[in-house]
Amino acid sequence: IMTLVLAYLFVFVRRQTGWKRTALLLAAAVLPLVLYLWSNSMAVYEYSGAVEGSMVEALREAPVFFLKFLLKSFASMIFGVELINRHMAEVPGIVWCLAGALVAAAYFLALWMNFYYGIEKKTLFPLMLLAGGGMNHLMVLVSRWIFMPRDAYGMSSRYALQYQIGILGIFLTFALVFQQQRAGRTSGDREEDGQTPPEQGKGPRTRNRAERPMAPWVRAAALMAGALFLGGNLMTTAEELSFAKHRKQHNINDVKPVVLNFENETDEALETALEYHKPGIREALSILKENGWNVFGEAGGNTMESGGKK
């Protein structure tokens, strides 16, 4: 919603839409947010391991924690936290903070390229992806700082899809600028060959943003960022594919028998098997059993055996 709001305000400032249409677009975007906030105000949340107090107090007491949390969440776009925990646990945290700083730098590089090379005049989509990805990092920070001092909480793979749209924005920006540069070189070659003569009465063309050549350092930085993201994600994906069989066997051999016999198991056994340490496990499993869902039904059994913990 905030991405849409920023996009509507951007085109309004550029005088591409009138204030009436902009107001209607903003209202249409903000209304779902208002309904969500109203609904959310009536919800009751139970967090395991959350700290007490306000975010302002925590920020005043431990400002470095918030910086490390944010940088490590950026770093998770290169290496997944499961890969780090299994094979890179001995690597000091400062390394992941530096990796996160590199990802943040790639965000700013893509942001700058959108304006410097005039991409934003053709399409706002890369900027919207960058804004959405960046704000997702901030949203996770604001909503999950309560689990301090675990500054790696924002690296959890459950947030990867939220963050990934920002990486798509970076790649899309790089691709559009490289495409623009190639098109500019092709056009220049044609002019040199005399295929496109200059218009009568006009001197040399004034170089605008769309015709600016890409500096060598920009090209090198874009290629290095792309290689870093690609290499890290290939390693993370390979690790997850190789580890999937262990998840499957764990669910079949360790979790499924305990769940099927939940009525006779202790609370500690259920909490250990399901990795869930809050009240409500027996009630939830009773609902599943009464309806023949998940592991208690044929379809649910297949779902459990496919590797996902339910």
C-alpha atoms as a PDB file:
ATOM      1  CA  ILE A   1       0.000   0.000   0.000  1.00  0.00           C
ATOM      2  CA  MET A   2       2.808   2.400   0.833  1.00  0.00           C
ATOM      3  CA  THR A   3       4.453   1.530  -2.492  1.00  0.00           C
ATOM      4  CA  LEU A   4       1.249   2.479  -4.305  1.00  0.00           C
ATOM      5  CA  VAL A   5       0.934   5.681  -2.285  1.00  0.00           C
ATOM      6  CA  LEU A   6       4.489   6.685  -3.158  1.00  0.00           C
ATOM      7  CA  ALA A   7       3.904   5.853  -6.838  1.00  0.00           C
ATOM      8  CA  TYR A   8       0.696   7.921  -7.012  1.00  0.00           C
ATOM      9  CA  LEU A   9       2.366  10.871  -5.302  1.00  0.00           C
ATOM     10  CA  PHE A  10       5.351  10.570  -7.650  1.00  0.00           C
ATOM     11  CA  VAL A  11       3.237  10.823 -10.815  1.00  0.00           C
ATOM     12  CA  PHE A  12       1.223  13.661  -9.242  1.00  0.00           C
ATOM     13  CA  VAL A  13       4.379  15.667  -8.522  1.00  0.00           C
ATOM     14  CA  ARG A  14       5.432  15.045 -12.108  1.00  0.00           C
ATOM     15  CA  ARG A  15       2.055  16.514 -13.114  1.00  0.00           C
ATOM     16  CA  GLN A  16       1.043  13.371 -14.931  1.00  0.00           C
ATOM     17  CA  THR A  17      -2.250  13.138 -13.033  1.00  0.00           C
ATOM     18  CA  GLY A  18      -4.617  15.732 -11.612  1.00  0.00           C
ATOM     19  CA  TRP A  19      -5.280  16.151  -7.914  1.00  0.00           C
ATOM     20  CA  LYS A  20      -8.814  14.707  -8.114  1.00  0.00           C
ATOM     21  CA  ARG A  21      -7.683  11.493  -9.758  1.00  0.00           C
ATOM     22  CA  THR A  22      -4.731  11.260  -7.393  1.00  0.00           C
ATOM     23  CA  ALA A  23      -7.031  11.676  -4.389  1.00  0.00           C
ATOM     24  CA  LEU A  24      -9.279   8.857  -5.633  1.00  0.00           C
ATOM     25  CA  LEU A  25      -6.299   6.585  -6.254  1.00  0.00           C
ATOM     26  CA  LEU A  26      -4.900   7.308  -2.792  1.00  0.00           C
ATOM     27  CA  ALA A  27      -8.281   6.650  -1.184  1.00  0.00           C
ATOM     28  CA  ALA A  28      -8.606   3.324  -3.021  1.00  0.00           C
ATOM     29  CA  ALA A  29      -5.127   2.320  -1.835  1.00  0.00           C
ATOM     30  CA  VAL A  30      -5.446   3.467   1.774  1.00  0.00           C
ATOM     31  CA  LEU A  31      -8.952   2.064   2.442  1.00  0.00           C
ATOM     32  CA  PRO A  32      -7.720  -1.582   2.705  1.00  0.00           C
ATOM     33  CA  LEU A  33      -5.018  -0.419   5.127  1.00  0.00           C
ATOM     34  CA  VAL A  34      -7.602   1.302   7.320  1.00  0.00           C
ATOM     35  CA  LEU A  35      -9.779  -1.836   7.320  1.00  0.00           C
ATOM     36  CA  TYR A  36      -6.769  -3.978   8.207  1.00  0.00           C
ATOM     37  CA  LEU A  37      -5.707  -1.701  11.053  1.00  0.00           C
ATOM     38  CA  TRP A  38      -9.275  -1.717  12.393  1.00  0.00           C
ATOM     39  CA  SER A  39      -9.391  -5.508  12.242  1.00  0.00           C
ATOM     40  CA  ASN A  40      -5.901  -5.863  13.671  1.00  0.00           C
ATOM     41  CA  SER A  41      -6.774  -3.652  16.650  1.00  0.00           C
ATOM     42  CA  MET A  42      -9.186  -6.360  17.820  1.00  0.00           C
ATOM     43  CA  ALA A  43      -6.687  -9.220  17.569  1.00  0.00           C
ATOM     44  CA  VAL A  44      -4.844 -10.677  20.530  1.00  0.00           C
ATOM     45  CA  TYR A  45      -1.248 -11.761  19.918  1.00  0.00           C
ATOM     46  CA  GLU A  46       0.835 -14.161  21.979  1.00  0.00           C
ATOM     47  CA  TYR A  47       4.586 -14.071  21.382  1.00  0.00           C
ATOM     48  CA  SER A  48       7.064 -16.539  22.827  1.00  0.00           C
ATOM     49  CA  GLY A  49      10.267 -14.889  23.973  1.00  0.00           C
ATOM     50  CA  ALA A  50       9.234 -11.307  23.230  1.00  0.00           C
ATOM     51  CA  VAL A  51      10.685  -8.481  25.323  1.00  0.00           C
ATOM     52  CA  GLU A  52       8.589  -5.951  27.167  1.00  0.00           C
ATOM     53  CA  GLY A  53       8.651  -2.215  26.608  1.00  0.00           C
ATOM     54  CA  SER A  54       8.395   0.126  23.651  1.00  0.00           C
ATOM     55  CA  MET A  55      10.514   0.294  20.544  1.00  0.00           C
ATOM     56  CA  VAL A  56      11.677   3.808  21.459  1.00  0.00           C
ATOM     57  CA  GLU A  57      13.020   2.564  24.794  1.00  0.00           C
ATOM     58  CA  ALA A  58      14.783  -0.360  23.128  1.00  0.00           C
ATOM     59  CA  LEU A  59      16.250   1.916  20.473  1.00  0.00           C
ATOM     60  CA  ARG A  60      17.572   4.237  23.152  1.00  0.00           C
ATOM     61  CA  GLU A  61      19.137   1.377  25.105  1.00  0.00           C
ATOM     62  CA  ALA A  62      20.550  -0.690  22.207  1.00  0.00           C
ATOM     63  CA  PRO A  63      20.726   1.286  18.942  1.00  0.00           C
ATOM     64  CA  VAL A  64      23.415  -1.022  17.519  1.00  0.00           C
ATOM     65  CA  PHE A  65      21.014  -3.974  17.728  1.00  0.00           C
ATOM     66  CA  PHE A  66      18.620  -2.332  15.265  1.00  0.00           C
ATOM     67  CA  LEU A  67      21.431  -1.579  12.816  1.00  0.00           C
ATOM     68  CA  LYS A  68      22.752  -5.154  12.993  1.00  0.00           C
ATOM     69  CA  PHE A  69      19.226  -6.559  12.640  1.00  0.00           C
ATOM     70  CA  LEU A  70      18.615  -4.491   9.497  1.00  0.00           C
ATOM     71  CA  LEU A  71      21.987  -5.237   7.894  1.00  0.00           C
ATOM     72  CA  LYS A  72      21.690  -8.975   8.547  1.00  0.00           C
ATOM     73  CA  SER A  73      18.225  -9.001   7.002  1.00  0.00           C
ATOM     74  CA  PHE A  74      19.770  -7.477   3.864  1.00  0.00           C
ATOM     75  CA  ALA A  75      22.542 -10.111   3.972  1.00  0.00           C
ATOM     76  CA  SER A  76      19.934 -12.888   3.855  1.00  0.00           C
ATOM     77  CA  MET A  77      19.375 -11.959   0.210  1.00  0.00           C
ATOM     78  CA  ILE A  78      22.805 -13.393  -0.539  1.00  0.00           C
ATOM     79  CA  PHE A  79      23.033 -16.372   1.813  1.00  0.00           C
ATOM     80  CA  GLY A  80      20.077 -18.039   3.522  1.00  0.00           C
ATOM     81  CA  VAL A  81      20.201 -18.309   7.295  1.00  0.00           C
ATOM     82  CA  GLU A  82      19.891 -22.119   7.168  1.00  0.00           C
ATOM     83  CA  LEU A  83      22.995 -22.314   4.965  1.00  0.00           C
ATOM     84  CA  ILE A  84      24.828 -20.036   7.379  1.00  0.00           C
ATOM     85  CA  ASN A  85      23.789 -22.010  10.462  1.00  0.00           C
ATOM     86  CA  ARG A  86      24.793 -25.363   8.965  1.00  0.00           C
ATOM     87  CA  HIS A  87      28.046 -24.514   7.229  1.00  0.00           C
ATOM     88  CA  MET A  88      29.143 -21.008   8.247  1.00  0.00           C
ATOM     89  CA  ALA A  89      28.306 -20.843  11.941  1.00  0.00           C
ATOM     90  CA  GLU A  90      31.905 -19.953  12.811  1.00  0.00           C
ATOM     91  CA  VAL A  91      31.847 -16.833  10.614  1.00  0.00           C
ATOM     92  CA  PRO A  92      31.655 -13.708  12.853  1.00  0.00           C
ATOM     93  CA  GLY A  93      28.514 -11.589  12.712  1.00  0.00           C
ATOM     94  CA  ILE A  94      30.398  -8.563  11.394  1.00  0.00           C
ATOM     95  CA  VAL A  95      30.867 -10.406   8.090  1.00  0.00           C
ATOM     96  CA  TRP A  96      27.107 -10.680   7.600  1.00  0.00           C
ATOM     97  CA  CYS A  97      26.700  -7.025   8.519  1.00  0.00           C
ATOM     98  CA  LEU A  98      29.216  -6.138   5.808  1.00  0.00           C
ATOM     99  CA  ALA A  99      27.384  -8.387   3.344  1.00  0.00           C
ATOM    100  CA  GLY A 100      24.156  -6.605   4.258  1.00  0.00           C
ATOM    101  CA  ALA A 101      25.847  -3.262   3.659  1.00  0.00           C
ATOM    102  CA  LEU A 102      26.772  -4.458   0.150  1.00  0.00           C
ATOM    103  CA  VAL A 103      23.142  -5.359  -0.550  1.00  0.00           C
ATOM    104  CA  ALA A 104      22.002  -1.965   0.747  1.00  0.00           C
ATOM    105  CA  ALA A 105      24.608  -0.336  -1.518  1.00  0.00           C
ATOM    106  CA  ALA A 106      23.144  -2.262  -4.473  1.00  0.00           C
ATOM    107  CA  TYR A 107      19.726  -0.816  -3.574  1.00  0.00           C
ATOM    108  CA  PHE A 108      21.117   2.715  -3.617  1.00  0.00           C
ATOM    109  CA  LEU A 109      23.015   2.055  -6.858  1.00  0.00           C
ATOM    110  CA  ALA A 110      19.827   0.881  -8.561  1.00  0.00           C
ATOM    111  CA  LEU A 111      17.903   3.837  -7.139  1.00  0.00           C
ATOM    112  CA  TRP A 112      20.498   6.267  -8.480  1.00  0.00           C
ATOM    113  CA  MET A 113      20.584   4.548 -11.887  1.00  0.00           C
ATOM    114  CA  ASN A 114      16.812   4.905 -12.246  1.00  0.00           C
ATOM    115  CA  PHE A 115      17.094   8.682 -12.037  1.00  0.00           C
ATOM    116  CA  TYR A 116      20.508   9.262 -13.613  1.00  0.00           C
ATOM    117  CA  TYR A 117      19.725   7.263 -16.753  1.00  0.00           C
ATOM    118  CA  GLY A 118      16.103   8.380 -16.996  1.00  0.00           C
ATOM    119  CA  ILE A 119      14.537   4.947 -16.459  1.00  0.00           C
ATOM    120  CA  GLU A 120      11.864   6.485 -14.201  1.00  0.00           C
ATOM    121  CA  LYS A 121      10.608   8.534 -17.162  1.00  0.00           C
ATOM    122  CA  LYS A 122       9.752   5.342 -19.028  1.00  0.00           C
ATOM    123  CA  THR A 123       8.498   3.149 -16.207  1.00  0.00           C
ATOM    124  CA  LEU A 124       8.073   3.327 -12.428  1.00  0.00           C
ATOM    125  CA  PHE A 125       7.981  -0.431 -12.006  1.00  0.00           C
ATOM    126  CA  PRO A 126      11.661  -0.885 -10.966  1.00  0.00           C
ATOM    127  CA  LEU A 127      11.321   1.949  -8.432  1.00  0.00           C
ATOM    128  CA  MET A 128       8.151   0.361  -7.051  1.00  0.00           C
ATOM    129  CA  LEU A 129       9.944  -2.966  -6.615  1.00  0.00           C
ATOM    130  CA  LEU A 130      12.863  -1.250  -4.883  1.00  0.00           C
ATOM    131  CA  ALA A 131      10.515   0.642  -2.569  1.00  0.00           C
ATOM    132  CA  GLY A 132       8.520  -2.489  -1.768  1.00  0.00           C
ATOM    133  CA  GLY A 133      11.609  -4.556  -1.002  1.00  0.00           C
ATOM    134  CA  GLY A 134      13.245  -1.845   1.109  1.00  0.00           C
ATOM    135  CA  MET A 135      10.093  -1.180   3.105  1.00  0.00           C
ATOM    136  CA  ASN A 136       9.663  -4.903   3.743  1.00  0.00           C
ATOM    137  CA  HIS A 137      13.056  -4.889   5.471  1.00  0.00           C
ATOM    138  CA  LEU A 138      11.868  -1.986   7.615  1.00  0.00           C
ATOM    139  CA  MET A 139       8.524  -3.667   8.304  1.00  0.00           C
ATOM    140  CA  VAL A 140      10.202  -6.848   9.555  1.00  0.00           C
ATOM    141  CA  LEU A 141      12.502  -4.741  11.730  1.00  0.00           C
ATOM    142  CA  VAL A 142       9.606  -2.798  13.240  1.00  0.00           C
ATOM    143  CA  SER A 143       7.510  -5.917  13.885  1.00  0.00           C
ATOM    144  CA  ARG A 144      10.230  -8.350  14.977  1.00  0.00           C
ATOM    145  CA  TRP A 145      12.650  -6.277  17.049  1.00  0.00           C
ATOM    146  CA  ILE A 146      10.738  -7.629  20.063  1.00  0.00           C
ATOM    147  CA  PHE A 147      12.797 -10.829  19.858  1.00  0.00           C
ATOM    148  CA  MET A 148      16.002  -8.992  20.760  1.00  0.00           C
ATOM    149  CA  PRO A 149      18.827  -9.758  21.320  1.00  0.00           C
ATOM    150  CA  ARG A 150      18.403 -12.158  18.363  1.00  0.00           C
ATOM    151  CA  ASP A 151      19.673  -9.786  15.679  1.00  0.00           C
ATOM    152  CA  ALA A 152      19.601 -12.582  13.061  1.00  0.00           C
ATOM    153  CA  TYR A 153      15.827 -13.033  13.396  1.00  0.00           C
ATOM    154  CA  GLY A 154      15.250 -10.883  10.303  1.00  0.00           C
ATOM    155  CA  MET A 155      17.313 -13.364   8.260  1.00  0.00           C
ATOM    156  CA  SER A 156      14.656 -16.059   8.613  1.00  0.00           C
ATOM    157  CA  SER A 157      13.753 -17.671   5.294  1.00  0.00           C
ATOM    158  CA  ARG A 158      10.080 -16.938   5.952  1.00  0.00           C
ATOM    159  CA  TYR A 159      10.762 -13.326   4.986  1.00  0.00           C
ATOM    160  CA  ALA A 160      12.800 -14.102   1.851  1.00  0.00           C
ATOM    161  CA  LEU A 161       9.877 -13.702  -0.544  1.00  0.00           C
ATOM    162  CA  GLN A 162       9.065 -10.297   0.924  1.00  0.00           C
ATOM    163  CA  TYR A 163      12.632  -9.130   0.493  1.00  0.00           C
ATOM    164  CA  GLN A 164      13.059 -10.701  -2.941  1.00  0.00           C
ATOM    165  CA  ILE A 165      10.966  -8.110  -4.769  1.00  0.00           C
ATOM    166  CA  GLY A 166      13.666  -5.552  -4.013  1.00  0.00           C
ATOM    167  CA  ILE A 167      16.291  -7.792  -5.638  1.00  0.00           C
ATOM    168  CA  LEU A 168      14.035  -8.118  -8.685  1.00  0.00           C
ATOM    169  CA  GLY A 169      13.917  -4.318  -8.796  1.00  0.00           C
ATOM    170  CA  ILE A 170      17.725  -4.172  -8.741  1.00  0.00           C
ATOM    171  CA  PHE A 171      18.075  -6.715 -11.557  1.00  0.00           C
ATOM    172  CA  LEU A 172      15.344  -5.044 -13.615  1.00  0.00           C
ATOM    173  CA  THR A 173      17.068  -1.671 -13.256  1.00  0.00           C
ATOM    174  CA  PHE A 174      20.403  -3.125 -14.349  1.00  0.00           C
ATOM    175  CA  ALA A 175      18.766  -4.853 -17.318  1.00  0.00           C
ATOM    176  CA  LEU A 176      16.935  -1.727 -18.504  1.00  0.00           C
ATOM    177  CA  VAL A 177      20.043   0.448 -18.258  1.00  0.00           C
ATOM    178  CA  PHE A 178      22.189  -2.103 -20.104  1.00  0.00           C
ATOM    179  CA  GLN A 179      19.478  -2.418 -22.772  1.00  0.00           C
ATOM    180  CA  GLN A 180      19.331   1.372 -23.091  1.00  0.00           C
ATOM    181  CA  GLN A 181      23.098   1.572 -23.456  1.00  0.00           C
ATOM    182  CA  ARG A 182      23.113  -1.094 -26.156  1.00  0.00           C
ATOM    183  CA  ALA A 183      20.332   0.671 -28.031  1.00  0.00           C
ATOM    184  CA  GLY A 184      22.245   3.969 -27.776  1.00  0.00           C
ATOM    185  CA  ARG A 185      25.394   2.388 -29.214  1.00  0.00           C
ATOM    186  CA  THR A 186      23.428   0.857 -32.071  1.00  0.00           C
ATOM    187  CA  SER A 187      21.840   4.228 -32.870  1.00  0.00           C
ATOM    188  CA  GLY A 188      25.251   5.948 -32.752  1.00  0.00           C
ATOM    189  CA  ASP A 189      26.756   3.371 -35.117  1.00  0.00           C
ATOM    190  CA  ARG A 190      23.966   3.982 -37.618  1.00  0.00           C
ATOM    191  CA  GLU A 191      24.530   7.739 -37.517  1.00  0.00           C
ATOM    192  CA  GLU A 192      28.254   7.228 -38.104  1.00  0.00           C
ATOM    193  CA  ASP A 193      27.437   5.085 -41.138  1.00  0.00           C
ATOM    194  CA  GLY A 194      25.225   7.845 -42.515  1.00  0.00           C
ATOM    195  CA  GLN A 195      22.024   5.812 -42.243  1.00  0.00           C
ATOM    196  CA  THR A 196      20.370   8.405 -39.993  1.00  0.00           C
ATOM    197  CA  PRO A 197      21.382  11.885 -41.135  1.00  0.00           C
ATOM    198  CA  PRO A 198      20.966  14.761 -38.677  1.00  0.00           C
ATOM    199  CA  GLU A 199      17.977  17.026 -39.117  1.00  0.00           C
ATOM    200  CA  GLN A 200      18.476  20.159 -41.208  1.00  0.00           C
ATOM    201  CA  GLY A 201      19.305  23.295 -39.317  1.00  0.00           C
ATOM    202  CA  LYS A 202      20.227  21.471 -36.130  1.00  0.00           C
ATOM    203  CA  GLY A 203      23.658  21.145 -34.625  1.00  0.00           C
ATOM    204  CA  PRO A 204      24.958  18.238 -32.584  1.00  0.00           C
ATOM    205  CA  ARG A 205      22.356  16.713 -30.319  1.00  0.00           C
ATOM    206  CA  THR A 206      22.377  17.714 -26.673  1.00  0.00           C
ATOM    207  CA  ARG A 207      23.165  14.665 -24.568  1.00  0.00           C
ATOM    208  CA  ASN A 208      20.275  13.912 -22.203  1.00  0.00           C
ATOM    209  CA  ARG A 209      19.910  11.374 -19.432  1.00  0.00           C
ATOM    210  CA  ALA A 210      18.762   8.620 -21.791  1.00  0.00           C
ATOM    211  CA  GLU A 211      21.981   9.032 -23.817  1.00  0.00           C
ATOM    212  CA  ARG A 212      24.486   9.158 -20.969  1.00  0.00           C
ATOM    213  CA  PRO A 213      27.165   6.502 -21.402  1.00  0.00           C
ATOM    214  CA  MET A 214      27.608   4.083 -18.548  1.00  0.00           C
ATOM    215  CA  ALA A 215      30.767   4.750 -16.593  1.00  0.00           C
ATOM    216  CA  PRO A 216      33.098   1.740 -16.214  1.00  0.00           C
ATOM    217  CA  TRP A 217      32.678   1.736 -12.419  1.00  0.00           C
ATOM    218  CA  VAL A 218      28.875   1.588 -12.770  1.00  0.00           C
ATOM    219  CA  ARG A 219      29.097  -1.340 -15.175  1.00  0.00           C
ATOM    220  CA  ALA A 220      31.558  -3.137 -12.905  1.00  0.00           C
ATOM    221  CA  ALA A 221      29.440  -2.520  -9.781  1.00  0.00           C
ATOM    222  CA  ALA A 222      26.273  -3.781 -11.507  1.00  0.00           C
ATOM    223  CA  LEU A 223      27.992  -6.926 -12.783  1.00  0.00           C
ATOM    224  CA  MET A 224      29.567  -7.631  -9.382  1.00  0.00           C
ATOM    225  CA  ALA A 225      26.244  -7.162  -7.586  1.00  0.00           C
ATOM    226  CA  GLY A 226      24.488  -9.463 -10.029  1.00  0.00           C
ATOM    227  CA  ALA A 227      27.183 -12.129  -9.640  1.00  0.00           C
ATOM    228  CA  LEU A 228      27.020 -11.835  -5.831  1.00  0.00           C
ATOM    229  CA  PHE A 229      23.243 -12.298  -5.710  1.00  0.00           C
ATOM    230  CA  LEU A 230      23.286 -15.114  -8.249  1.00  0.00           C
ATOM    231  CA  GLY A 231      26.151 -17.012  -6.641  1.00  0.00           C
ATOM    232  CA  GLY A 232      24.758 -16.731  -3.122  1.00  0.00           C
ATOM    233  CA  ASN A 233      21.257 -17.792  -4.149  1.00  0.00           C
ATOM    234  CA  LEU A 234      22.567 -20.776  -6.119  1.00  0.00           C
ATOM    235  CA  MET A 235      24.474 -21.944  -3.024  1.00  0.00           C
ATOM    236  CA  THR A 236      21.424 -21.437  -0.794  1.00  0.00           C
ATOM    237  CA  THR A 237      19.086 -23.221  -3.212  1.00  0.00           C
ATOM    238  CA  ALA A 238      21.486 -26.152  -3.636  1.00  0.00           C
ATOM    239  CA  GLU A 239      21.723 -26.485   0.143  1.00  0.00           C
ATOM    240  CA  GLU A 240      17.941 -26.466   0.576  1.00  0.00           C
ATOM    241  CA  LEU A 241      17.445 -29.059  -2.174  1.00  0.00           C
ATOM    242  CA  SER A 242      20.036 -31.354  -0.620  1.00  0.00           C
ATOM    243  CA  PHE A 243      18.561 -30.907   2.870  1.00  0.00           C
ATOM    244  CA  ALA A 244      14.945 -31.503   1.780  1.00  0.00           C
ATOM    245  CA  LYS A 245      15.264 -35.282   2.154  1.00  0.00           C
ATOM    246  CA  HIS A 246      16.251 -34.825   5.800  1.00  0.00           C
ATOM    247  CA  ARG A 247      13.194 -32.662   6.441  1.00  0.00           C
ATOM    248  CA  LYS A 248      11.020 -35.344   4.867  1.00  0.00           C
ATOM    249  CA  GLN A 249      12.529 -38.148   6.925  1.00  0.00           C
ATOM    250  CA  HIS A 250      12.278 -36.071  10.095  1.00  0.00           C
ATOM    251  CA  ASN A 251       8.566 -35.478   9.504  1.00  0.00           C
ATOM    252  CA  ILE A 252       7.870 -39.121   8.695  1.00  0.00           C
ATOM    253  CA  ASN A 253       9.971 -40.740  11.417  1.00  0.00           C
ATOM    254  CA  ASP A 254       9.870 -38.202  14.265  1.00  0.00           C
ATOM    255  CA  VAL A 255       6.897 -35.870  13.879  1.00  0.00           C
ATOM    256  CA  LYS A 256       4.155 -38.001  12.360  1.00  0.00           C
ATOM    257  CA  PRO A 257       4.083 -40.754  15.046  1.00  0.00           C
ATOM    258  CA  VAL A 258       3.936 -38.174  17.847  1.00  0.00           C
ATOM    259  CA  VAL A 259       1.149 -36.220  16.149  1.00  0.00           C
ATOM    260  CA  LEU A 260      -0.957 -39.314  15.453  1.00  0.00           C
ATOM    261  CA  ASN A 261      -0.623 -40.298  19.110  1.00  0.00           C
ATOM    262  CA  PHE A 262      -0.983 -36.761  20.469  1.00  0.00           C
ATOM    263  CA  GLU A 263      -3.712 -37.693  22.954  1.00  0.00           C
ATOM    264  CA  ASN A 264      -1.273 -39.922  24.840  1.00  0.00           C
ATOM    265  CA  GLU A 265       1.831 -37.760  24.467  1.00  0.00           C
ATOM    266  CA  THR A 266       3.126 -35.290  27.025  1.00  0.00           C
ATOM    267  CA  ASP A 267       3.051 -31.559  26.403  1.00  0.00           C
ATOM    268  CA  GLU A 268       6.849 -31.548  26.260  1.00  0.00           C
ATOM    269  CA  ALA A 269       6.897 -34.226  23.556  1.00  0.00           C
ATOM    270  CA  LEU A 270       4.379 -32.327  21.432  1.00  0.00           C
ATOM    271  CA  GLU A 271       6.260 -29.060  21.829  1.00  0.00           C
ATOM    272  CA  THR A 272       9.532 -30.709  20.854  1.00  0.00           C
ATOM    273  CA  ALA A 273       8.100 -32.530  17.826  1.00  0.00           C
ATOM    274  CA  LEU A 274       6.236 -29.513  16.459  1.00  0.00           C
ATOM    275  CA  GLU A 275       8.794 -26.923  17.592  1.00  0.00           C
ATOM    276  CA  TYR A 276       5.954 -24.879  19.056  1.00  0.00           C
ATOM    277  CA  HIS A 277       6.154 -23.796  22.656  1.00  0.00           C
ATOM    278  CA  LYS A 278       2.827 -22.105  23.359  1.00  0.00           C
ATOM    279  CA  PRO A 279      -0.594 -23.342  24.544  1.00  0.00           C
ATOM    280  CA  GLY A 280      -3.132 -24.623  22.038  1.00  0.00           C
ATOM    281  CA  ILE A 281      -1.352 -27.583  20.445  1.00  0.00           C
ATOM    282  CA  ARG A 282      -3.825 -30.213  21.639  1.00  0.00           C
ATOM    283  CA  GLU A 283      -6.818 -28.081  20.695  1.00  0.00           C
ATOM    284  CA  ALA A 284      -5.446 -27.539  17.188  1.00  0.00           C
ATOM    285  CA  LEU A 285      -4.661 -31.235  16.679  1.00  0.00           C
ATOM    286  CA  SER A 286      -8.122 -32.167  17.958  1.00  0.00           C
ATOM    287  CA  ILE A 287      -9.693 -29.978  15.269  1.00  0.00           C
ATOM    288  CA  LEU A 288      -7.532 -31.620  12.607  1.00  0.00           C
ATOM    289  CA  LYS A 289      -8.457 -35.107  13.817  1.00  0.00           C
ATOM    290  CA  GLU A 290     -12.189 -34.372  14.026  1.00  0.00           C
ATOM    291  CA  ASN A 291     -12.210 -33.168  10.423  1.00  0.00           C
ATOM    292  CA  GLY A 292      -9.764 -35.706   9.027  1.00  0.00           C
ATOM    293  CA  TRP A 293      -7.350 -33.007   7.944  1.00  0.00           C
ATOM    294  CA  ASN A 294      -3.596 -33.007   7.388  1.00  0.00           C
ATOM    295  CA  VAL A 295      -1.864 -36.065   8.828  1.00  0.00           C
ATOM    296  CA  PHE A 296      -5.202 -37.483  10.029  1.00  0.00           C
ATOM    297  CA  GLY A 297      -6.520 -37.846   6.481  1.00  0.00           C
ATOM    298  CA  GLU A 298      -5.069 -39.384   3.356  1.00  0.00           C
ATOM    299  CA  ALA A 299      -4.484 -36.006   1.660  1.00  0.00           C
ATOM    300  CA  GLY A 300      -3.107 -34.568   4.900  1.00  0.00           C
ATOM    301  CA  GLY A 301      -0.798 -37.519   5.335  1.00  0.00           C
ATOM    302  CA  ASN A 302       0.680 -36.890   1.922  1.00  0.00           C
ATOM    303  CA  THR A 303       1.111 -33.226   2.806  1.00  0.00           C
ATOM    304  CA  MET A 304       2.966 -34.076   5.989  1.00  0.00           C
ATOM    305  CA  GLU A 305       5.203 -36.555   4.220  1.00  0.00           C
ATOM    306  CA  SER A 306       6.067 -34.065   1.472  1.00  0.00           C
ATOM    307  CA  GLY A 307       8.348 -32.231   3.859  1.00  0.00           C
ATOM    308  CA  GLY A 308       6.299 -29.413   5.338  1.00  0.00           C
ATOM    309  CA  LYS A 309       5.668 -29.186   9.053  1.00  0.00           C
ATOM    310  CA  LYS A 310       2.029 -28.341   9.707  1.00  0.00           C
END
